[in-house]
Amino acid sequence: FDMELNADLVVLSACETGRGKITGDGVIGLSRSLMSAGTASVLVSLWKVPDNATYLLMREFYQTWESSGDKAQALRQAMLTTMQQYPSPENWAAFTLMGEAQ
C-alpha cells in the first residue's frame, strides 16, 4: 500500500492472481493493493489456468490492446479468439479486468 505506481495496466497472468481474502470491504488481495498504489487497471485470473490457452489469450490481448487502446475490448476479443481453439470456459473465462477499461 505504500508504493506509488504510475502504471496504466498491470497483468498478473499466473494462476489465481485475482483471489484474496473476502471482507466487509470486498476482496483484499494483490490486485486491490496495486490499484491502491495507483495502477489504473489490473488484469488477473480467478482460478488455475492452463499454459497454452493463457499464452494464446495474452498474445491476443496485447495485440488487440495495442491496436485499439481499449483494455476491456481487447480482453473480450482475446477470450473469443481463445475460445475457438480452447472451447472449455476453464481455458479462457478465468481472466477479469479491474479498473479503467481504456
N, C-alpha and C. Protein backbone atom coordinates (compact mmCIF):
# COMPACT_ATOMS: atom_id res chain seq x y z
N PHE A 1 0.81 -1.20 0.00
CA PHE A 1 0.00 0.00 0.00
C PHE A 1 0.85 1.27 0.00
N ASP A 2 2.11 1.15 0.37
CA ASP A 2 2.98 2.32 0.42
C ASP A 2 3.61 2.65 -0.92
N MET A 3 3.46 1.77 -1.91
CA MET A 3 4.05 2.01 -3.23
C MET A 3 3.28 3.09 -3.97
N GLU A 4 3.96 3.77 -4.86
CA GLU A 4 3.31 4.71 -5.76
C GLU A 4 3.62 4.27 -7.18
N LEU A 5 2.62 3.69 -7.84
CA LEU A 5 2.79 3.19 -9.20
C LEU A 5 2.12 4.13 -10.18
N ASN A 6 2.77 4.36 -11.28
CA ASN A 6 2.20 5.15 -12.35
C ASN A 6 2.08 4.24 -13.57
N ALA A 7 1.26 3.21 -13.43
CA ALA A 7 1.11 2.22 -14.50
C ALA A 7 -0.32 2.25 -15.02
N ASP A 8 -0.43 2.17 -16.32
CA ASP A 8 -1.75 2.10 -16.95
C ASP A 8 -2.37 0.73 -16.74
N LEU A 9 -1.53 -0.31 -16.74
CA LEU A 9 -2.03 -1.68 -16.62
C LEU A 9 -0.97 -2.57 -15.98
N VAL A 10 -1.41 -3.41 -15.05
CA VAL A 10 -0.58 -4.48 -14.51
C VAL A 10 -1.29 -5.78 -14.85
N VAL A 11 -0.57 -6.71 -15.48
CA VAL A 11 -1.13 -8.01 -15.86
C VAL A 11 -0.50 -9.08 -14.97
N LEU A 12 -1.36 -9.81 -14.28
CA LEU A 12 -0.93 -10.93 -13.44
C LEU A 12 -1.56 -12.18 -14.03
N SER A 13 -0.88 -12.78 -15.00
CA SER A 13 -1.48 -13.87 -15.77
C SER A 13 -1.25 -15.24 -15.16
N ALA A 14 -0.63 -15.32 -14.00
CA ALA A 14 -0.43 -16.60 -13.34
C ALA A 14 -1.74 -17.08 -12.71
N CYS A 15 -1.72 -18.26 -12.17
CA CYS A 15 -2.93 -18.86 -11.60
C CYS A 15 -3.42 -18.13 -10.35
N GLU A 16 -4.70 -17.90 -10.29
CA GLU A 16 -5.41 -17.38 -9.11
C GLU A 16 -4.89 -16.04 -8.60
N THR A 17 -4.41 -15.19 -9.47
CA THR A 17 -3.86 -13.90 -9.04
C THR A 17 -4.94 -12.92 -8.60
N GLY A 18 -6.19 -13.18 -8.93
CA GLY A 18 -7.28 -12.29 -8.53
C GLY A 18 -7.94 -12.69 -7.23
N ARG A 19 -7.46 -13.74 -6.63
CA ARG A 19 -8.06 -14.20 -5.38
C ARG A 19 -7.53 -13.40 -4.22
N GLY A 20 -8.26 -13.41 -3.13
CA GLY A 20 -7.84 -12.72 -1.93
C GLY A 20 -8.78 -13.04 -0.80
N LYS A 21 -8.63 -12.35 0.29
CA LYS A 21 -9.48 -12.54 1.45
C LYS A 21 -10.75 -11.71 1.29
N ILE A 22 -11.90 -12.35 1.48
CA ILE A 22 -13.17 -11.66 1.36
C ILE A 22 -13.51 -11.04 2.72
N THR A 23 -13.74 -9.73 2.69
CA THR A 23 -14.07 -8.99 3.92
C THR A 23 -15.30 -8.13 3.66
N GLY A 24 -15.72 -7.41 4.66
CA GLY A 24 -16.84 -6.48 4.51
C GLY A 24 -16.52 -5.35 3.54
N ASP A 25 -15.24 -5.12 3.29
CA ASP A 25 -14.80 -4.08 2.36
C ASP A 25 -14.56 -4.62 0.97
N GLY A 26 -14.87 -5.89 0.73
CA GLY A 26 -14.63 -6.50 -0.58
C GLY A 26 -13.48 -7.48 -0.49
N VAL A 27 -12.89 -7.77 -1.64
CA VAL A 27 -11.78 -8.71 -1.69
C VAL A 27 -10.47 -7.96 -1.47
N ILE A 28 -9.73 -8.41 -0.47
CA ILE A 28 -8.42 -7.82 -0.18
C ILE A 28 -7.37 -8.77 -0.74
N GLY A 29 -6.61 -8.29 -1.71
CA GLY A 29 -5.59 -9.13 -2.33
C GLY A 29 -4.59 -8.26 -3.08
N LEU A 30 -3.78 -8.93 -3.87
CA LEU A 30 -2.73 -8.24 -4.61
C LEU A 30 -3.30 -7.20 -5.58
N SER A 31 -4.38 -7.54 -6.27
CA SER A 31 -4.95 -6.60 -7.24
C SER A 31 -5.42 -5.31 -6.57
N ARG A 32 -6.05 -5.43 -5.42
CA ARG A 32 -6.51 -4.24 -4.71
C ARG A 32 -5.33 -3.40 -4.24
N SER A 33 -4.27 -4.06 -3.80
CA SER A 33 -3.07 -3.34 -3.37
C SER A 33 -2.47 -2.55 -4.53
N LEU A 34 -2.41 -3.17 -5.71
CA LEU A 34 -1.86 -2.49 -6.88
C LEU A 34 -2.72 -1.30 -7.29
N MET A 35 -4.02 -1.44 -7.21
CA MET A 35 -4.89 -0.32 -7.56
C MET A 35 -4.79 0.80 -6.52
N SER A 36 -4.66 0.44 -5.26
CA SER A 36 -4.47 1.45 -4.22
C SER A 36 -3.17 2.21 -4.39
N ALA A 37 -2.19 1.54 -4.99
CA ALA A 37 -0.88 2.16 -5.22
C ALA A 37 -0.85 3.04 -6.46
N GLY A 38 -1.96 3.07 -7.23
CA GLY A 38 -2.03 3.98 -8.36
C GLY A 38 -2.16 3.36 -9.73
N THR A 39 -2.20 2.04 -9.82
CA THR A 39 -2.37 1.38 -11.11
C THR A 39 -3.78 1.63 -11.62
N ALA A 40 -3.92 2.01 -12.87
CA ALA A 40 -5.25 2.31 -13.43
C ALA A 40 -6.09 1.04 -13.61
N SER A 41 -5.45 -0.06 -14.02
CA SER A 41 -6.17 -1.31 -14.28
C SER A 41 -5.29 -2.50 -13.93
N VAL A 42 -5.96 -3.58 -13.53
CA VAL A 42 -5.26 -4.82 -13.23
C VAL A 42 -6.01 -5.95 -13.93
N LEU A 43 -5.27 -6.79 -14.63
CA LEU A 43 -5.83 -7.97 -15.30
C LEU A 43 -5.34 -9.20 -14.53
N VAL A 44 -6.29 -9.99 -14.01
CA VAL A 44 -5.95 -11.13 -13.15
C VAL A 44 -6.73 -12.36 -13.56
N SER A 45 -6.30 -13.51 -13.02
CA SER A 45 -7.05 -14.75 -13.22
C SER A 45 -7.67 -15.17 -11.89
N LEU A 46 -8.83 -15.80 -11.98
CA LEU A 46 -9.56 -16.19 -10.79
C LEU A 46 -9.36 -17.65 -10.40
N TRP A 47 -8.80 -18.45 -11.30
CA TRP A 47 -8.52 -19.85 -10.99
C TRP A 47 -7.30 -20.31 -11.75
N LYS A 48 -6.93 -21.57 -11.54
CA LYS A 48 -5.77 -22.14 -12.23
C LYS A 48 -6.03 -22.16 -13.73
N VAL A 49 -5.09 -21.65 -14.48
CA VAL A 49 -5.25 -21.54 -15.93
C VAL A 49 -4.17 -22.34 -16.64
N PRO A 50 -4.54 -23.02 -17.75
CA PRO A 50 -3.55 -23.81 -18.49
C PRO A 50 -2.60 -22.91 -19.29
N ASP A 51 -1.35 -23.34 -19.39
CA ASP A 51 -0.31 -22.53 -20.02
C ASP A 51 -0.59 -22.19 -21.48
N ASN A 52 -0.93 -23.18 -22.29
CA ASN A 52 -1.10 -22.94 -23.73
C ASN A 52 -2.25 -21.98 -24.02
N ALA A 53 -3.37 -22.18 -23.37
CA ALA A 53 -4.52 -21.29 -23.58
C ALA A 53 -4.21 -19.89 -23.08
N THR A 54 -3.51 -19.79 -21.96
CA THR A 54 -3.15 -18.48 -21.41
C THR A 54 -2.19 -17.75 -22.33
N TYR A 55 -1.25 -18.47 -22.90
CA TYR A 55 -0.32 -17.86 -23.86
C TYR A 55 -1.10 -17.25 -25.03
N LEU A 56 -2.02 -18.00 -25.59
CA LEU A 56 -2.81 -17.51 -26.72
C LEU A 56 -3.65 -16.31 -26.31
N LEU A 57 -4.30 -16.40 -25.16
CA LEU A 57 -5.15 -15.30 -24.70
C LEU A 57 -4.33 -14.03 -24.48
N MET A 58 -3.19 -14.16 -23.83
CA MET A 58 -2.36 -12.98 -23.57
C MET A 58 -1.79 -12.37 -24.85
N ARG A 59 -1.37 -13.21 -25.77
CA ARG A 59 -0.86 -12.70 -27.05
C ARG A 59 -1.95 -11.91 -27.77
N GLU A 60 -3.15 -12.47 -27.82
CA GLU A 60 -4.28 -11.78 -28.46
C GLU A 60 -4.64 -10.51 -27.72
N PHE A 61 -4.63 -10.57 -26.40
CA PHE A 61 -4.96 -9.38 -25.60
C PHE A 61 -4.02 -8.23 -25.93
N TYR A 62 -2.72 -8.47 -25.88
CA TYR A 62 -1.76 -7.40 -26.13
C TYR A 62 -1.82 -6.87 -27.57
N GLN A 63 -2.01 -7.75 -28.52
CA GLN A 63 -2.11 -7.31 -29.92
C GLN A 63 -3.35 -6.43 -30.12
N THR A 64 -4.46 -6.85 -29.56
CA THR A 64 -5.70 -6.07 -29.73
C THR A 64 -5.63 -4.77 -28.95
N TRP A 65 -5.09 -4.80 -27.74
CA TRP A 65 -4.99 -3.59 -26.94
C TRP A 65 -4.09 -2.57 -27.62
N GLU A 66 -3.00 -3.06 -28.20
CA GLU A 66 -2.08 -2.15 -28.90
C GLU A 66 -2.76 -1.43 -30.06
N SER A 67 -3.61 -2.14 -30.77
CA SER A 67 -4.26 -1.51 -31.93
C SER A 67 -5.51 -0.71 -31.56
N SER A 68 -6.20 -1.11 -30.50
CA SER A 68 -7.47 -0.45 -30.17
C SER A 68 -7.35 0.55 -29.02
N GLY A 69 -6.45 0.31 -28.08
CA GLY A 69 -6.34 1.17 -26.91
C GLY A 69 -7.41 0.91 -25.86
N ASP A 70 -8.25 -0.07 -26.08
CA ASP A 70 -9.35 -0.39 -25.16
C ASP A 70 -9.07 -1.74 -24.50
N LYS A 71 -8.74 -1.71 -23.21
CA LYS A 71 -8.37 -2.93 -22.49
C LYS A 71 -9.54 -3.91 -22.38
N ALA A 72 -10.73 -3.41 -22.09
CA ALA A 72 -11.89 -4.29 -21.94
C ALA A 72 -12.23 -4.97 -23.26
N GLN A 73 -12.21 -4.22 -24.34
CA GLN A 73 -12.49 -4.79 -25.65
C GLN A 73 -11.40 -5.77 -26.06
N ALA A 74 -10.16 -5.47 -25.71
CA ALA A 74 -9.06 -6.37 -26.03
C ALA A 74 -9.20 -7.69 -25.28
N LEU A 75 -9.62 -7.64 -24.02
CA LEU A 75 -9.83 -8.87 -23.27
C LEU A 75 -10.98 -9.68 -23.85
N ARG A 76 -12.05 -9.01 -24.21
CA ARG A 76 -13.19 -9.70 -24.83
C ARG A 76 -12.77 -10.40 -26.11
N GLN A 77 -12.05 -9.69 -26.96
CA GLN A 77 -11.61 -10.28 -28.23
C GLN A 77 -10.65 -11.44 -27.99
N ALA A 78 -9.76 -11.29 -27.02
CA ALA A 78 -8.82 -12.36 -26.70
C ALA A 78 -9.56 -13.60 -26.20
N MET A 79 -10.60 -13.40 -25.43
CA MET A 79 -11.41 -14.53 -24.96
C MET A 79 -12.11 -15.22 -26.12
N LEU A 80 -12.68 -14.44 -27.01
CA LEU A 80 -13.37 -15.03 -28.17
C LEU A 80 -12.41 -15.81 -29.06
N THR A 81 -11.23 -15.28 -29.26
CA THR A 81 -10.24 -15.97 -30.09
C THR A 81 -9.76 -17.25 -29.41
N THR A 82 -9.49 -17.17 -28.13
CA THR A 82 -9.04 -18.34 -27.38
C THR A 82 -10.12 -19.40 -27.33
N MET A 83 -11.36 -18.99 -27.22
CA MET A 83 -12.50 -19.91 -27.17
C MET A 83 -12.58 -20.77 -28.43
N GLN A 84 -12.15 -20.24 -29.55
CA GLN A 84 -12.20 -21.01 -30.80
C GLN A 84 -11.28 -22.23 -30.75
N GLN A 85 -10.11 -22.06 -30.17
CA GLN A 85 -9.15 -23.16 -30.10
C GLN A 85 -9.31 -23.99 -28.82
N TYR A 86 -9.70 -23.34 -27.74
CA TYR A 86 -9.88 -23.99 -26.44
C TYR A 86 -11.29 -23.66 -25.93
N PRO A 87 -12.31 -24.42 -26.38
CA PRO A 87 -13.70 -24.05 -26.11
C PRO A 87 -14.15 -24.13 -24.65
N SER A 88 -13.51 -24.92 -23.84
CA SER A 88 -13.94 -25.05 -22.45
C SER A 88 -13.68 -23.74 -21.68
N PRO A 89 -14.67 -23.23 -20.95
CA PRO A 89 -14.50 -21.97 -20.21
C PRO A 89 -13.33 -21.97 -19.23
N GLU A 90 -12.93 -23.13 -18.74
CA GLU A 90 -11.78 -23.17 -17.82
C GLU A 90 -10.51 -22.65 -18.48
N ASN A 91 -10.49 -22.62 -19.80
CA ASN A 91 -9.31 -22.18 -20.55
C ASN A 91 -9.25 -20.68 -20.80
N TRP A 92 -10.38 -19.99 -20.78
CA TRP A 92 -10.38 -18.57 -21.16
C TRP A 92 -11.19 -17.66 -20.24
N ALA A 93 -12.09 -18.21 -19.43
CA ALA A 93 -13.01 -17.37 -18.65
C ALA A 93 -12.46 -16.93 -17.30
N ALA A 94 -11.28 -17.36 -16.93
CA ALA A 94 -10.73 -17.03 -15.61
C ALA A 94 -10.30 -15.57 -15.50
N PHE A 95 -10.07 -14.92 -16.62
CA PHE A 95 -9.47 -13.59 -16.58
C PHE A 95 -10.52 -12.49 -16.44
N THR A 96 -10.17 -11.52 -15.61
CA THR A 96 -11.05 -10.37 -15.40
C THR A 96 -10.21 -9.10 -15.30
N LEU A 97 -10.79 -8.03 -15.80
CA LEU A 97 -10.13 -6.72 -15.79
C LEU A 97 -10.78 -5.88 -14.72
N MET A 98 -9.97 -5.31 -13.86
CA MET A 98 -10.48 -4.42 -12.81
C MET A 98 -9.91 -3.02 -13.06
N GLY A 99 -10.74 -2.03 -12.82
CA GLY A 99 -10.29 -0.65 -13.00
C GLY A 99 -10.75 -0.05 -14.30
N GLU A 100 -9.94 0.81 -14.87
CA GLU A 100 -10.29 1.53 -16.10
C GLU A 100 -10.26 0.63 -17.32
N ALA A 101 -11.25 0.77 -18.17
CA ALA A 101 -11.34 -0.06 -19.38
C ALA A 101 -10.46 0.47 -20.51
N GLN A 102 -10.18 1.75 -20.52
CA GLN A 102 -9.38 2.35 -21.60
C GLN A 102 -8.14 3.00 -21.06
